[in-house]
Amino acid sequence: MKATKWNHKDLLGIWESTADEIRHLLDTASAFKEVGERAVKKVQSLRGQTMVSLLIEPSTALPRA
């Protein structure tokens, strides 16, 4: 299988991604899961980078009074 590189600036959805790009994302997520299970959760390749998770969907909204 051919190695895939992420060529997008960001990820707002997967609808326009190829199957290889989605596999690449899942493989990357798997590697980061392993990092999360380590005693020291630092990744040298992310030094100086900012990672952000933003979830916008009804399940994350506060209930209205």
C-alpha atoms as a PDB file:
ATOM      1  CA  MET A   1       0.000   0.000   0.000  1.00  0.00           C
ATOM      2  CA  LYS A   2       1.220   3.483  -0.886  1.00  0.00           C
ATOM      3  CA  ALA A   3       2.164   5.855   1.950  1.00  0.00           C
ATOM      4  CA  THR A   4      -0.273   8.742   2.225  1.00  0.00           C
ATOM      5  CA  LYS A   5       0.619  12.248   3.333  1.00  0.00           C
ATOM      6  CA  TRP A   6      -1.893  14.698   4.795  1.00  0.00           C
ATOM      7  CA  ASN A   7      -1.993  17.608   2.340  1.00  0.00           C
ATOM      8  CA  HIS A   8      -4.838  19.609   3.886  1.00  0.00           C
ATOM      9  CA  LYS A   9      -4.597  22.609   6.197  1.00  0.00           C
ATOM     10  CA  ASP A  10      -7.276  21.320   8.547  1.00  0.00           C
ATOM     11  CA  LEU A  11      -9.976  18.700   8.943  1.00  0.00           C
ATOM     12  CA  LEU A  12     -13.555  19.914   8.999  1.00  0.00           C
ATOM     13  CA  GLY A  13     -15.086  16.698   7.714  1.00  0.00           C
ATOM     14  CA  ILE A  14     -14.200  13.535   5.858  1.00  0.00           C
ATOM     15  CA  TRP A  15     -16.580  13.855   2.908  1.00  0.00           C
ATOM     16  CA  GLU A  16     -13.909  15.171   0.554  1.00  0.00           C
ATOM     17  CA  SER A  17     -11.159  12.848   1.813  1.00  0.00           C
ATOM     18  CA  THR A  18      -9.973   9.800  -0.079  1.00  0.00           C
ATOM     19  CA  ALA A  19     -10.037   6.330   1.455  1.00  0.00           C
ATOM     20  CA  ASP A  20      -6.233   6.450   1.769  1.00  0.00           C
ATOM     21  CA  GLU A  21      -6.415   9.787   3.621  1.00  0.00           C
ATOM     22  CA  ILE A  22      -9.000   8.381   6.043  1.00  0.00           C
ATOM     23  CA  ARG A  23      -6.806   5.322   6.656  1.00  0.00           C
ATOM     24  CA  HIS A  24      -3.881   7.690   7.284  1.00  0.00           C
ATOM     25  CA  LEU A  25      -5.961   9.593   9.868  1.00  0.00           C
ATOM     26  CA  LEU A  26      -6.951   6.375  11.626  1.00  0.00           C
ATOM     27  CA  ASP A  27      -3.345   5.128  11.658  1.00  0.00           C
ATOM     28  CA  THR A  28      -2.197   8.466  13.106  1.00  0.00           C
ATOM     29  CA  ALA A  29      -4.936   8.333  15.754  1.00  0.00           C
ATOM     30  CA  SER A  30      -3.826   4.826  16.686  1.00  0.00           C
ATOM     31  CA  ALA A  31      -0.246   6.037  17.172  1.00  0.00           C
ATOM     32  CA  PHE A  32      -1.448   8.900  19.386  1.00  0.00           C
ATOM     33  CA  LYS A  33      -3.538   6.489  21.451  1.00  0.00           C
ATOM     34  CA  GLU A  34      -0.303   4.686  22.276  1.00  0.00           C
ATOM     35  CA  VAL A  35       1.253   8.026  23.304  1.00  0.00           C
ATOM     36  CA  GLY A  36      -1.719   8.688  25.590  1.00  0.00           C
ATOM     37  CA  GLU A  37      -1.100   5.408  27.384  1.00  0.00           C
ATOM     38  CA  ARG A  38       2.573   6.201  28.132  1.00  0.00           C
ATOM     39  CA  ALA A  39       3.779   7.526  31.462  1.00  0.00           C
ATOM     40  CA  VAL A  40       5.281  10.609  29.714  1.00  0.00           C
ATOM     41  CA  LYS A  41       2.706  11.871  27.220  1.00  0.00           C
ATOM     42  CA  LYS A  42       4.959  14.151  25.189  1.00  0.00           C
ATOM     43  CA  VAL A  43       5.673  13.816  21.492  1.00  0.00           C
ATOM     44  CA  GLN A  44       8.877  15.417  20.230  1.00  0.00           C
ATOM     45  CA  SER A  45       7.456  16.019  16.751  1.00  0.00           C
ATOM     46  CA  LEU A  46       4.685  18.242  18.219  1.00  0.00           C
ATOM     47  CA  ARG A  47       7.034  20.541  20.142  1.00  0.00           C
ATOM     48  CA  GLY A  48       6.059  24.132  19.357  1.00  0.00           C
ATOM     49  CA  GLN A  49       2.757  23.125  17.730  1.00  0.00           C
ATOM     50  CA  THR A  50      -0.782  23.825  18.931  1.00  0.00           C
ATOM     51  CA  MET A  51      -3.417  21.092  18.914  1.00  0.00           C
ATOM     52  CA  VAL A  52      -7.076  22.007  19.295  1.00  0.00           C
ATOM     53  CA  SER A  53     -10.207  19.889  19.584  1.00  0.00           C
ATOM     54  CA  LEU A  54     -13.495  21.635  18.883  1.00  0.00           C
ATOM     55  CA  LEU A  55     -16.756  19.716  19.094  1.00  0.00           C
ATOM     56  CA  ILE A  56     -19.898  21.455  17.914  1.00  0.00           C
ATOM     57  CA  GLU A  57     -23.009  19.330  17.995  1.00  0.00           C
ATOM     58  CA  PRO A  58     -26.247  19.230  19.995  1.00  0.00           C
ATOM     59  CA  SER A  59     -24.886  16.667  22.461  1.00  0.00           C
ATOM     60  CA  THR A  60     -22.211  19.119  23.669  1.00  0.00           C
ATOM     61  CA  ALA A  61     -24.511  22.126  24.060  1.00  0.00           C
ATOM     62  CA  LEU A  62     -25.762  23.212  27.464  1.00  0.00           C
ATOM     63  CA  PRO A  63     -29.448  22.488  28.051  1.00  0.00           C
ATOM     64  CA  ARG A  64     -31.749  25.493  27.850  1.00  0.00           C
ATOM     65  CA  ALA A  65     -33.677  26.428  30.951  1.00  0.00           C
END
